Protein backbone atom coordinates (compact mmCIF):
# COMPACT_ATOMS: atom_id res chain seq x y z
CA MET A 1 180.57 -48.77 -3.91
CA LYS A 2 177.55 -47.41 -5.76
CA SER A 3 177.48 -50.56 -7.85
CA LYS A 4 177.25 -52.70 -4.72
CA GLN A 5 174.46 -50.54 -3.32
CA THR A 6 172.51 -50.79 -6.55
CA SER A 7 172.93 -54.54 -6.59
CA ALA A 8 171.88 -54.81 -2.95
CA ALA A 9 168.76 -52.74 -3.59
CA ALA A 10 167.88 -54.93 -6.54
CA GLU A 11 168.39 -58.00 -4.38
CA GLN A 12 165.81 -56.72 -1.91
CA ILE A 13 163.29 -56.17 -4.72
CA SER A 14 163.84 -59.73 -5.85
CA VAL A 15 163.41 -61.04 -2.32
CA THR A 16 159.92 -59.56 -2.00
CA MET A 17 158.55 -62.53 -3.96
CA VAL A 18 157.63 -64.98 -1.22
CA LYS A 19 155.77 -68.24 -1.02
CA ASN A 20 152.52 -68.25 0.98
CA GLY A 21 151.97 -66.28 4.19
CA ALA A 22 151.48 -62.57 4.70
CA GLU A 23 154.88 -61.88 3.13
CA SER A 24 153.56 -62.50 -0.40
CA VAL A 25 151.32 -59.46 -0.04
CA ALA A 26 152.99 -57.47 2.72
CA ALA A 27 156.36 -57.47 0.95
CA ALA A 28 154.89 -56.53 -2.41
CA ALA A 29 151.92 -54.31 -1.58
CA LEU A 30 152.27 -50.73 -0.28
CA ASN A 31 154.58 -48.86 2.07
CA LEU A 32 152.26 -48.99 5.07
CA GLY A 33 152.61 -49.99 8.72
CA ALA A 34 156.30 -49.34 9.25
CA GLU A 35 156.11 -45.75 8.07
CA SER A 36 153.28 -44.96 10.45
CA ASN A 37 155.40 -46.12 13.40
CA GLY A 38 158.55 -44.38 12.25
CA HIS A 39 160.39 -47.64 11.62
CA SER A 40 162.57 -48.36 8.67
CA ASN A 41 161.25 -50.54 5.83
CA ASN A 42 164.08 -53.06 5.66
CA LEU A 43 161.57 -55.88 5.52
CA ILE A 44 163.54 -58.83 4.30
CA THR A 45 167.28 -59.37 4.28
CA LYS A 46 169.48 -62.26 3.39
CA ASN A 47 170.60 -62.47 7.03
CA SER A 48 167.07 -63.10 8.32
CA ILE A 49 165.72 -65.54 5.76
CA ASN A 50 166.87 -68.28 3.47
CA VAL A 51 166.59 -66.99 -0.11
CA GLN A 52 166.47 -69.39 -3.05
CA LYS A 53 166.28 -68.60 -6.74
CA HIS A 54 163.56 -70.58 -8.48
CA GLU A 55 163.04 -70.90 -12.23
CA GLU A 56 159.53 -71.94 -13.27
CA ASN A 57 158.21 -71.91 -16.84
CA GLY A 58 161.03 -69.57 -17.78
CA ILE A 59 160.01 -66.92 -15.22
CA ALA A 60 162.54 -65.87 -12.62
CA THR A 61 161.04 -65.83 -9.15
CA THR A 62 162.43 -65.95 -5.63
CA MET A 63 161.33 -68.30 -2.87
CA VAL A 64 161.77 -67.69 0.86
CA ASP A 65 162.11 -70.44 3.41
CA LYS A 66 158.73 -70.61 5.21
CA GLN A 67 160.37 -71.34 8.58
CA ALA A 68 162.43 -68.16 8.41
CA SER A 69 159.87 -65.78 6.88
CA SER A 70 157.61 -63.81 9.17
CA LEU A 71 156.55 -60.20 9.49
CA SER A 72 155.57 -58.43 12.68
CA SER A 73 152.64 -56.05 12.80
CA SER A 74 154.99 -53.05 12.77
CA GLU A 75 156.83 -53.98 9.58
CA GLY A 76 156.14 -52.16 6.35
CA VAL A 77 155.79 -53.25 2.78
CA THR A 78 157.37 -52.21 -0.50
CA GLU A 79 155.69 -50.19 -3.20
CA LYS A 80 153.20 -51.84 -5.55
CA GLU A 81 151.76 -50.39 -8.72
CA PRO A 82 148.37 -48.69 -8.42
CA GLY A 83 145.61 -49.99 -10.63
CA GLU A 84 141.94 -51.01 -10.95
CA GLU A 85 138.17 -50.84 -9.99
CA ASN A 86 134.70 -49.45 -10.10
CA PRO A 87 132.40 -52.55 -10.02
CA ILE A 88 128.93 -53.40 -11.40
CA GLY A 89 126.47 -51.98 -14.06
CA ASN A 90 123.25 -49.92 -14.15
CA ALA A 91 119.70 -49.97 -15.36
CA ASN A 92 120.42 -47.07 -17.65
CA GLY A 93 122.85 -49.19 -19.57
CA VAL A 94 125.97 -48.17 -17.70
CA MET A 95 128.06 -50.30 -15.41
CA ASN A 96 127.05 -50.71 -11.78
CA GLY A 97 129.46 -51.80 -9.11
CA HIS A 98 130.66 -52.03 -5.54
CA GLY A 99 133.87 -52.27 -3.67
CA GLY A 100 135.30 -48.84 -2.79
CA GLU A 101 134.19 -46.26 -0.28
CA GLU A 102 134.20 -43.17 -2.54
CA ASN A 103 133.37 -42.29 -6.14
CA SER A 104 135.65 -42.15 -9.21
CA THR A 105 137.64 -45.16 -8.10
CA ALA A 106 140.20 -47.07 -10.14
CA VAL A 107 141.44 -50.49 -9.03
CA VAL A 108 143.77 -53.30 -10.03
CA HIS A 109 143.41 -56.92 -9.01
CA ASN A 110 146.52 -59.01 -8.36
CA PRO A 111 145.21 -62.47 -7.40
CA SER A 112 147.57 -65.06 -5.91
CA LEU A 113 149.00 -67.25 -8.61
CA LYS A 114 150.20 -70.80 -9.02
CA ASN A 115 151.60 -72.68 -6.03
CA GLY A 116 151.31 -69.62 -3.82
CA PHE A 117 153.85 -67.57 -5.82
CA LEU A 118 153.48 -64.03 -7.03
CA HIS A 119 155.20 -64.10 -10.43
CA PHE A 120 157.30 -61.04 -11.18
CA HIS A 121 159.12 -60.04 -14.33
CA PRO A 122 162.79 -61.19 -14.49
CA SER A 123 164.90 -60.15 -11.49
CA ILE A 124 166.19 -56.59 -11.49
CA LYS A 125 169.44 -57.81 -9.93
CA ASP A 126 170.42 -59.46 -13.21
CA LEU A 127 170.03 -56.10 -14.95
CA CYS A 128 171.86 -54.15 -12.27
CA ASP A 129 174.90 -56.45 -12.43
CA VAL A 130 175.39 -55.40 -16.05
CA PRO A 131 177.13 -52.02 -16.63
CA CYS A 132 174.51 -49.63 -18.00
CA ARG A 133 173.11 -46.15 -17.56
CA LYS A 134 171.37 -45.29 -14.26
CA ASP A 135 168.24 -44.03 -16.02
CA PHE A 136 168.00 -47.36 -17.86
CA ILE A 137 168.12 -49.25 -14.58
CA LYS A 138 165.59 -46.87 -13.02
CA THR A 139 163.12 -47.44 -15.88
CA PHE A 140 163.34 -51.20 -15.63
CA ASP A 141 163.27 -51.04 -11.84
CA SER A 142 159.80 -49.45 -11.91
CA GLU A 143 158.42 -51.53 -14.78
CA MET A 144 159.81 -54.97 -14.09
CA SER A 145 159.62 -55.14 -10.30
CA ARG A 146 155.83 -54.98 -10.28
CA PRO A 147 153.79 -58.19 -10.42
CA LYS A 148 152.39 -58.87 -13.84
CA LYS A 149 148.62 -58.76 -14.08
CA ILE A 150 146.52 -61.83 -14.85
CA TYR A 151 142.91 -60.67 -15.12
CA ARG A 152 140.07 -63.15 -15.54
CA VAL A 153 136.79 -61.76 -16.85
CA VAL A 154 133.60 -63.66 -17.70
CA LEU A 155 131.32 -62.46 -20.50
CA THR A 156 127.87 -63.90 -19.93
CA GLY A 157 124.28 -63.02 -20.81
CA GLY A 158 121.21 -64.22 -22.65
CA PRO A 159 121.01 -65.13 -26.35
CA CYS A 160 121.96 -62.38 -28.81
CA GLY A 161 123.44 -60.12 -26.17
CA GLY A 162 126.63 -59.21 -28.04
CA LYS A 163 129.06 -61.55 -26.26
CA THR A 164 130.80 -62.73 -29.44
CA THR A 165 131.29 -59.24 -30.86
CA GLY A 166 132.17 -57.86 -27.44
CA GLN A 167 134.78 -60.53 -26.90
CA ALA A 168 136.46 -59.73 -30.22
CA ARG A 169 136.47 -55.99 -29.55
CA LEU A 170 137.74 -56.43 -26.01
CA CYS A 171 140.50 -58.70 -27.30
CA THR A 172 141.61 -56.19 -29.94
CA PHE A 173 141.55 -53.28 -27.48
CA PHE A 174 143.84 -54.99 -24.97
CA GLU A 175 146.16 -56.44 -27.60
CA ASN A 176 146.69 -52.89 -28.82
CA LEU A 177 147.73 -51.99 -25.27
CA GLY A 178 150.41 -54.69 -25.36
CA TRP A 179 148.55 -57.35 -23.34
CA LYS A 180 148.42 -61.01 -24.22
CA VAL A 181 144.76 -62.01 -24.53
CA PHE A 182 143.39 -65.54 -24.14
CA ARG A 183 139.83 -66.32 -25.20
CA VAL A 184 138.35 -69.35 -23.47
CA PRO A 185 135.74 -70.93 -25.80
CA GLU A 186 132.20 -71.56 -24.58
CA ALA A 187 132.15 -75.17 -23.44
CA ALA A 188 128.41 -75.48 -24.05
CA THR A 189 128.83 -74.50 -27.72
CA VAL A 190 131.54 -77.14 -28.13
CA LEU A 191 129.33 -79.88 -26.67
CA LEU A 192 126.05 -78.78 -28.26
CA GLY A 193 127.81 -78.37 -31.60
CA GLY A 194 128.62 -82.07 -31.43
CA GLY A 195 124.97 -83.09 -31.70
CA ILE A 196 123.62 -82.73 -28.15
CA LYS A 197 120.32 -80.82 -28.10
CA PHE A 198 119.51 -79.48 -24.66
CA SER A 199 115.81 -79.13 -25.48
CA GLU A 200 115.60 -82.88 -26.14
CA LEU A 201 117.16 -83.91 -22.82
CA SER A 202 115.08 -85.27 -19.96
CA GLU A 203 115.45 -83.73 -16.51
CA ASP A 204 117.91 -86.42 -15.41
CA GLU A 205 119.83 -86.16 -18.68
CA ALA A 206 120.01 -82.38 -18.33
CA PHE A 207 121.40 -82.85 -14.82
CA ARG A 208 124.13 -85.16 -16.12
CA PHE A 209 124.90 -82.83 -19.02
CA GLN A 210 125.31 -79.80 -16.74
CA GLU A 211 127.67 -81.74 -14.48
CA GLU A 212 129.81 -82.79 -17.43
CA LEU A 213 129.62 -79.26 -18.81
CA LEU A 214 130.90 -77.82 -15.54
CA ARG A 215 133.79 -80.29 -15.41
CA THR A 216 134.68 -79.61 -19.05
CA MET A 217 134.50 -75.85 -18.57
CA MET A 218 136.76 -75.86 -15.51
CA GLN A 219 139.29 -78.11 -17.22
CA ILE A 220 139.46 -75.90 -20.31
CA GLU A 221 139.75 -72.75 -18.18
CA SER A 222 142.53 -74.29 -16.11
CA VAL A 223 144.62 -74.78 -19.24
CA PHE A 224 144.40 -71.08 -20.06
CA PHE A 225 144.96 -70.06 -16.43
CA ARG A 226 148.18 -72.10 -16.26
CA MET A 227 149.40 -70.81 -19.60
CA ALA A 228 148.83 -67.24 -18.42
CA GLU A 229 151.17 -67.85 -15.48
CA ALA A 230 153.89 -69.04 -17.84
CA ILE A 231 153.83 -65.92 -20.02
CA ASP A 232 156.09 -63.04 -19.02
CA LYS A 233 153.62 -60.23 -19.70
CA ASP A 234 150.21 -58.95 -18.60
CA VAL A 235 147.42 -61.36 -19.58
CA LEU A 236 143.69 -60.83 -20.01
CA ILE A 237 141.64 -64.05 -19.97
CA ILE A 238 138.15 -63.69 -21.47
CA CYS A 239 135.85 -66.56 -20.57
CA ASP A 240 132.79 -67.08 -22.76
CA ARG A 241 130.46 -67.84 -19.85
CA GLY A 242 131.69 -69.20 -16.53
CA THR A 243 131.06 -71.85 -13.93
CA MET A 244 127.89 -70.37 -12.42
CA ASP A 245 126.10 -70.27 -15.79
CA ALA A 246 125.54 -74.00 -15.49
CA SER A 247 123.35 -73.37 -12.42
CA ALA A 248 120.90 -71.25 -14.43
CA PHE A 249 119.41 -74.16 -16.34
CA ILE A 250 118.70 -76.80 -13.70
CA LYS A 251 116.86 -77.01 -10.38
CA ARG A 252 118.62 -75.61 -7.34
CA SER A 253 118.63 -79.02 -5.64
CA TYR A 254 120.35 -80.55 -8.66
CA TRP A 255 122.96 -77.80 -8.69
CA GLU A 256 123.72 -78.29 -5.01
CA ASP A 257 124.08 -82.03 -5.68
CA ILE A 258 126.59 -81.32 -8.45
CA LEU A 259 128.63 -79.11 -6.13
CA ALA A 260 128.63 -81.75 -3.40
CA ARG A 261 129.56 -84.57 -5.79
CA ASN A 262 132.51 -82.58 -7.11
CA ASN A 263 133.62 -81.10 -3.77
CA LEU A 264 132.92 -77.52 -4.90
CA ASN A 265 131.32 -74.46 -3.30
CA GLU A 266 129.89 -71.28 -4.79
CA VAL A 267 132.25 -68.88 -3.02
CA ASP A 268 135.23 -70.54 -4.72
CA ILE A 269 133.78 -71.00 -8.21
CA ARG A 270 131.85 -67.72 -8.32
CA ASP A 271 133.60 -65.11 -6.14
CA THR A 272 137.24 -66.25 -6.15
CA ARG A 273 137.74 -67.90 -9.54
CA TYR A 274 137.14 -64.77 -11.65
CA ASN A 275 138.05 -61.09 -11.16
CA GLN A 276 134.99 -59.67 -12.90
CA ILE A 277 131.65 -60.77 -14.37
CA ILE A 278 129.99 -58.83 -17.20
CA HIS A 279 126.41 -59.65 -18.15
CA MET A 280 125.49 -58.55 -21.67
CA VAL A 281 121.70 -58.22 -21.65
CA SER A 282 119.96 -60.08 -24.49
CA ALA A 283 118.55 -58.06 -27.37
CA ALA A 284 115.28 -59.79 -26.53
CA ASN A 285 115.13 -57.50 -23.50
CA GLY A 286 115.09 -53.90 -24.71
CA ALA A 287 116.29 -54.26 -28.30
CA GLU A 288 113.73 -56.71 -29.70
CA PRO A 289 113.97 -55.59 -33.38
CA PHE A 290 117.61 -56.70 -33.37
CA TYR A 291 117.02 -60.13 -31.85
CA THR A 292 117.89 -62.95 -34.25
CA THR A 293 118.81 -66.61 -34.15
CA GLU A 294 120.34 -66.73 -37.62
CA ASP A 295 123.95 -66.06 -36.68
CA HIS A 296 124.42 -68.86 -34.15
CA ILE A 297 124.33 -72.54 -35.04
CA CYS A 298 123.10 -73.57 -31.56
CA ARG A 299 120.58 -70.73 -31.04
CA THR A 300 116.91 -71.57 -31.52
CA GLU A 301 115.19 -69.61 -28.71
CA GLY A 302 112.26 -67.33 -29.35
CA ILE A 303 112.09 -63.88 -27.74
CA ALA A 304 110.07 -64.99 -24.71
CA LEU A 305 112.44 -67.86 -23.93
CA ALA A 306 115.47 -65.66 -24.59
CA ARG A 307 114.23 -63.16 -22.00
CA GLU A 308 113.79 -65.92 -19.44
CA LEU A 309 117.26 -67.34 -20.12
CA ASP A 310 118.77 -63.86 -19.87
CA LYS A 311 117.17 -63.35 -16.46
CA LYS A 312 118.39 -66.72 -15.21
CA ALA A 313 121.93 -66.12 -16.48
CA ALA A 314 122.12 -62.78 -14.63
CA GLN A 315 120.61 -64.24 -11.47
CA ALA A 316 123.24 -67.00 -11.40
CA TRP A 317 126.01 -64.45 -10.78
CA VAL A 318 124.31 -62.33 -8.13
CA GLY A 319 126.71 -62.19 -5.21
CA HIS A 320 129.95 -61.81 -7.14
CA PRO A 321 131.72 -58.72 -5.71
CA TYR A 322 132.41 -57.25 -9.17
CA PHE A 323 129.34 -57.96 -11.28
CA ASP A 324 128.46 -55.58 -14.14
CA VAL A 325 125.23 -55.47 -16.15
CA VAL A 326 125.36 -53.78 -19.57
CA ASP A 327 121.86 -53.30 -20.98
CA ASN A 328 120.36 -52.11 -24.28
CA SER A 329 119.56 -48.51 -23.40
CA SER A 330 122.02 -47.28 -26.04
CA ASP A 331 122.96 -48.32 -29.56
CA PHE A 332 125.03 -51.47 -29.94
CA GLU A 333 128.32 -49.65 -30.57
CA SER A 334 127.92 -47.73 -27.32
CA LYS A 335 126.96 -50.93 -25.53
CA VAL A 336 130.22 -52.59 -26.56
CA CYS A 337 132.22 -49.49 -25.61
CA ARG A 338 130.58 -49.42 -22.19
CA MET A 339 131.54 -53.05 -21.67
CA ILE A 340 135.19 -52.37 -22.57
CA GLN A 341 135.24 -49.25 -20.40
CA CYS A 342 133.95 -51.32 -17.50
CA VAL A 343 137.02 -53.56 -17.68
CA CYS A 344 139.36 -50.59 -18.12
CA GLN A 345 137.97 -48.89 -15.04
CA LYS A 346 138.66 -51.88 -12.84
CA LEU A 347 142.19 -52.22 -14.18
CA GLY A 348 142.93 -48.51 -13.81
CA ILE A 349 143.47 -48.06 -17.55
CA ASP A 350 142.74 -44.59 -18.90
CA ALA A 351 140.91 -45.05 -22.20
CA LYS A 352 140.72 -41.26 -22.64
CA ASP A 353 138.22 -40.28 -25.35
CA ARG A 354 138.20 -43.71 -26.99
CA LEU A 355 135.52 -44.89 -24.59
CA GLU A 356 133.08 -42.84 -22.59
CA THR A 357 131.06 -43.52 -19.46
CA ASN A 358 129.87 -41.27 -16.68
CA ALA A 359 128.57 -43.80 -14.19
CA LYS A 360 129.39 -43.21 -10.55
CA LYS A 361 128.68 -45.00 -7.31
CA VAL A 362 125.74 -43.62 -5.39
CA LYS A 363 124.97 -44.36 -1.75
CA PHE A 364 121.69 -44.03 0.15
CA LEU A 365 120.72 -44.15 3.79
CA VAL A 366 117.92 -46.68 4.41
CA LYS A 367 115.56 -46.63 7.38
CA GLY A 368 115.05 -49.93 9.18
CA PRO A 369 113.72 -52.38 9.87
CA LEU A 370 114.06 -54.08 6.49
CA PRO A 371 110.98 -55.65 4.91
CA ASP A 372 110.53 -59.40 4.88
CA LYS A 373 112.58 -61.44 2.41
CA ILE A 374 109.53 -62.04 0.18
CA HIS A 375 109.64 -58.37 -0.87
CA PHE A 376 113.15 -58.71 -2.32
CA PRO A 377 113.69 -59.97 -5.90
CA SER A 378 114.12 -63.72 -6.13
CA GLY A 379 117.67 -64.98 -6.22
CA PHE A 380 119.18 -62.43 -3.83
CA GLN A 381 122.37 -63.49 -2.07
CA ASP A 382 123.28 -62.86 1.57
CA PHE A 383 126.88 -62.59 2.77
CA THR A 384 128.75 -62.09 6.00
CA VAL A 385 131.35 -59.33 5.59
CA VAL A 386 134.12 -58.38 8.03
CA HIS A 387 136.39 -55.35 7.49
CA ASP A 388 139.58 -54.45 9.38
CA TYR A 389 141.60 -51.30 8.71
CA LEU A 390 145.39 -51.60 8.81
CA GLN A 391 148.05 -49.16 9.95
CA THR A 392 149.18 -46.61 7.33
CA ASN A 393 151.01 -43.30 7.32
CA GLY A 394 147.83 -41.22 7.62
CA PRO A 395 144.12 -40.96 6.71
CA LYS A 396 144.90 -40.01 3.13
CA VAL A 397 146.12 -43.58 2.57
CA GLN A 398 143.67 -46.23 3.67
CA ALA A 399 144.34 -49.96 3.83
CA ARG A 400 141.84 -52.61 4.83
CA LEU A 401 141.24 -56.34 4.87
CA ARG A 402 137.91 -57.87 3.84
CA LYS A 403 136.56 -61.30 4.68
CA ARG A 404 133.42 -62.08 2.68
CA GLY A 405 131.49 -65.31 2.42
CA GLN A 406 128.47 -67.48 2.95
CA LEU A 407 127.81 -70.97 4.30
CA ASN A 408 131.22 -70.95 6.03
CA HIS A 409 133.13 -70.41 2.77
CA PHE A 410 135.06 -67.15 2.48
CA SER A 411 137.12 -65.06 0.09
CA TYR A 412 139.76 -62.61 1.33
CA THR A 413 140.82 -59.26 -0.13
CA TYR A 414 143.43 -56.63 0.74
CA THR A 415 142.62 -53.09 -0.47
CA VAL A 416 144.68 -49.90 -0.42
CA ARG A 417 143.08 -46.56 -1.31
CA ARG A 418 145.28 -43.64 -2.26
CA PRO A 419 144.39 -39.92 -2.46
CA GLU A 420 143.06 -38.43 -5.67
CA LEU A 421 145.42 -38.68 -8.63
CA GLN A 422 144.49 -37.10 -11.98
CA GLY A 423 140.81 -36.93 -11.11
CA GLN A 424 140.32 -40.34 -9.53
CA VAL A 425 140.91 -42.07 -6.23
CA VAL A 426 143.15 -45.06 -6.90
CA GLU A 427 142.65 -48.46 -5.29
CA VAL A 428 144.90 -51.50 -5.31
CA LYS A 429 143.14 -54.78 -4.59
CA THR A 430 144.92 -58.06 -3.91
CA THR A 431 143.24 -61.43 -3.47
CA LEU A 432 144.61 -63.19 -0.38
CA THR A 433 144.82 -66.72 0.89
CA GLN A 434 143.34 -67.39 4.30
CA ARG A 435 146.84 -67.63 5.73
CA ASP A 436 147.81 -64.24 4.26
CA TYR A 437 144.66 -62.75 5.74
CA ASN A 438 145.26 -64.17 9.22
CA ASN A 439 148.87 -63.00 9.27
CA MET A 440 148.02 -59.49 8.11
CA LEU A 441 145.43 -59.06 10.85
CA ALA A 442 148.41 -58.43 13.13
CA GLN A 443 148.73 -55.03 11.41
CA ARG A 444 145.27 -53.81 12.52
CA ASP A 445 145.02 -50.08 13.10
CA PRO A 446 144.36 -49.57 16.84
CA HIS A 447 142.33 -46.43 16.05
CA HIS A 448 139.63 -48.44 14.27
CA VAL A 449 137.17 -51.12 15.35
CA THR A 450 136.39 -54.20 13.29
CA VAL A 451 133.33 -53.67 11.07
CA PHE A 452 130.75 -56.46 10.81
CA LYS A 453 128.05 -56.37 8.14
CA ASP A 454 125.30 -58.46 6.66
CA ARG A 455 125.39 -57.78 2.90
CA ARG A 456 122.48 -58.53 0.57
CA CYS A 457 123.11 -58.41 -3.18
CA PHE A 458 120.20 -58.37 -5.61
CA LEU A 459 119.32 -57.58 -9.19
CA LEU A 460 116.33 -55.34 -9.96
CA ASN A 461 115.42 -54.06 -13.44
CA ASN A 462 118.93 -54.76 -14.74
CA GLN A 463 120.42 -52.75 -11.88
CA TYR A 464 122.74 -54.40 -9.35
CA PHE A 465 122.31 -53.31 -5.73
CA GLN A 466 124.29 -53.95 -2.57
CA LEU A 467 122.58 -53.48 0.80
CA ASP A 468 124.81 -53.33 3.89
CA VAL A 469 123.42 -53.74 7.40
CA TYR A 470 125.91 -52.91 10.18
CA LYS A 471 125.92 -55.55 12.92
CA ASP A 472 127.05 -55.84 16.53
CA PRO A 473 129.65 -55.53 17.87
CA CYS A 474 129.97 -52.02 16.42
CA HIS A 475 130.46 -48.40 17.43
CA GLU A 476 127.42 -46.61 18.83
CA ARG A 477 127.23 -44.44 15.69
CA CYS A 478 126.72 -47.55 13.51
CA LYS A 479 123.89 -49.20 15.43
CA GLY A 480 120.96 -49.78 13.10
CA LEU A 481 122.82 -48.25 10.15
CA ILE A 482 121.72 -49.52 6.70
CA LEU A 483 123.27 -48.30 3.44
CA LEU A 484 122.27 -49.08 -0.17
CA GLU A 485 124.79 -48.75 -3.01
CA THR A 486 124.65 -48.99 -6.79
CA TYR A 487 126.21 -47.36 -9.86
CA SER A 488 124.24 -44.98 -12.08
CA THR A 489 124.56 -42.15 -14.60
CA LEU A 490 121.34 -40.55 -13.37
CA HIS A 491 121.01 -37.62 -11.00
CA GLY A 492 118.48 -36.22 -8.55
CA SER A 493 114.91 -37.49 -8.83
CA GLU A 494 115.83 -39.76 -11.75
CA VAL A 495 118.03 -41.82 -9.43
CA TYR A 496 115.25 -42.21 -6.85
CA GLN A 497 112.89 -43.57 -9.51
CA ARG A 498 115.29 -46.47 -10.05
CA LEU A 499 115.59 -47.40 -6.38
CA PRO A 500 113.76 -50.37 -4.84
CA SER A 501 110.25 -49.23 -3.88
CA PHE A 502 110.09 -51.73 -1.01
CA LEU A 503 112.89 -49.93 0.88
CA ASP A 504 112.42 -46.78 2.96
CA ILE A 505 115.08 -44.46 1.50
CA VAL A 506 115.93 -41.59 3.86
CA GLN A 507 118.37 -39.59 1.72
CA GLU A 508 121.33 -39.80 -0.64
CA VAL A 509 124.65 -39.75 1.23
CA THR A 510 127.06 -40.09 -1.71
CA GLY A 511 130.37 -38.42 -0.80
CA ASP A 512 129.26 -37.62 2.76
CA PRO A 513 132.29 -38.48 4.95
CA ARG A 514 130.00 -39.35 7.86
CA TYR A 515 128.96 -42.45 5.92
CA SER A 516 132.45 -43.49 4.85
CA MET A 517 133.28 -46.85 6.39
CA PHE A 518 136.72 -45.51 7.30
CA ASN A 519 135.19 -42.83 9.53
CA LEU A 520 132.38 -45.05 10.79
CA SER A 521 134.95 -47.50 12.13
CA LEU A 522 136.96 -44.95 14.14
CA LYS A 523 137.10 -45.89 17.84
CA GLU A 524 137.10 -42.35 19.24
CA ARG A 525 134.47 -39.69 18.69
CA TRP A 526 134.85 -37.57 15.57
CA VAL A 527 135.11 -34.15 17.26
CA ASP A 528 138.77 -33.06 17.25
CA ASN A 529 139.74 -36.50 15.93
CA LYS A 530 142.82 -36.07 13.72
CA TYR A 531 142.11 -39.41 12.03
CA PHE A 532 138.71 -38.32 10.68
CA CYS A 533 139.01 -38.22 6.88
CA GLN A 534 136.68 -35.62 5.37
CA SER A 535 137.68 -36.40 1.78
CA LEU A 536 140.35 -38.34 -0.12
CA THR A 537 140.11 -35.71 -2.84
CA GLY A 538 140.90 -32.84 -0.49
CA GLY A 539 137.94 -30.87 -1.82
CA GLU A 540 136.26 -30.19 1.54
CA SER A 541 137.22 -27.18 3.62
CA GLU A 542 138.40 -27.44 7.22
CA GLN A 543 135.23 -25.65 8.38
CA LYS A 544 133.07 -28.15 6.52
CA GLY A 545 134.96 -30.98 8.19
CA LYS A 546 134.21 -29.54 11.62
CA GLU A 547 130.50 -29.39 10.73
CA TYR A 548 130.58 -33.06 9.79
CA THR A 549 132.24 -34.15 13.02
CA LYS A 550 129.73 -32.21 15.14
CA CYS A 551 126.88 -34.11 13.43
CA GLU A 552 128.14 -37.52 14.54
CA LEU A 553 125.22 -38.20 16.90
CA GLN A 554 122.71 -37.69 14.10
CA LEU A 555 123.76 -41.02 12.58
CA ALA A 556 122.41 -43.02 15.50
CA CYS A 557 119.10 -41.17 15.24
CA CYS A 558 118.72 -42.28 11.64
């Protein structure tokens, strides 16, 4: 009898791998909506859907008949492994980033894979059908039922920024952790190494070259992306530059023409194609004595030109949700370690004392109205952002959907934030299809309103900033609310010296629960509201929480 129960449980784990629709995330994400309503979590059974085994590239997956697979808003989801995040880098040489609502955040990205399938390790059912010890089955149940990770990171930057060395060190670090690492070669080096000299090209020839470069780059990357799906282990894909780098070296009108001719848009090739972008600042900007052109066959730039190219390369990626800038404020060894730590943070990997960084997200209240666009650094990117919180089993577990885009092109993300675990708040991020997103909207939390923002991303002095302006329709407490976020190792007055001088900064609100998006989106007033979350870390006292809720009206005054 126990054997049958074990087999049945394993069958359900196998069934959580579904093609397209909300099921692909809802059945493999976290144990949410159903628990909050007191329902059971028997999400998918063989009586309600048509289950088919599917073998692709040697990986066992399970496919569910689309006509029979649907989840109501009250259904739950099965457990998914926690993981990654802490985006973007800082002017002091440490990574800046955005994405979570609190500090000390770790996140893991699980983007949708080939043909709409989430690829899992081989089915647990096959293991459970073989007589073996219960603890053996339990170990494999936890390890092999989770989706494998395929993480795509771009290393970019100006000449002599440390990309080559950084790529080698990053590769070695993750191989030592048991990951398979793919290194996508720089397409420009391949083409320029064949005799093409960019400096000798006319404007029209440069336009044609960049178009061919983009096509070549995407084709090469696609080979590695497909191979990663076929491998039955976690895979890190390191791209030596990415698609948006091509835009840094031609006129904007030419770049837009290339996109139109190839049926591409920036949201897809910048925000959705890669999980993380890391800009390694050129030695020509802050480490001039170490700048050299001797070690690269295609490098001929002087320091002045190298600085300009570095600036353009960074500007090309402004707008990516997880963009990190690693500058030259430390020695080169520390610079490389900071870059590796940046990736580890987003994947939720504890590097312990092997790598060190003390950057944290800082948040500031900004007084409106905002200055005219001409006061912002050139190349800033504006986005429309929509957030919806989903039903969970309490305020200590937060789940939300994000729709983010520009020019009517959007990317979709599902995020779950868990309470503090071993010193950090853990986030799980999953990239969604539009269909997944639309289906999961049915699980909206009725205690929260939808949050609408205009988000402006810009780069200033090697520091990446994100400016959020809350828009109507919104709760009264959010009217006119403007928040600025970045990542920094500095404290007190040192932080303020790094902030944009053209903005009217009211005060720092880092860690203040009144400025948490979760609390800002609550429908009811905060006083005596059991859903008000004073801290995911549990560090605030009950009395302090009451003081916060009584100050709700002060937000509107700001």
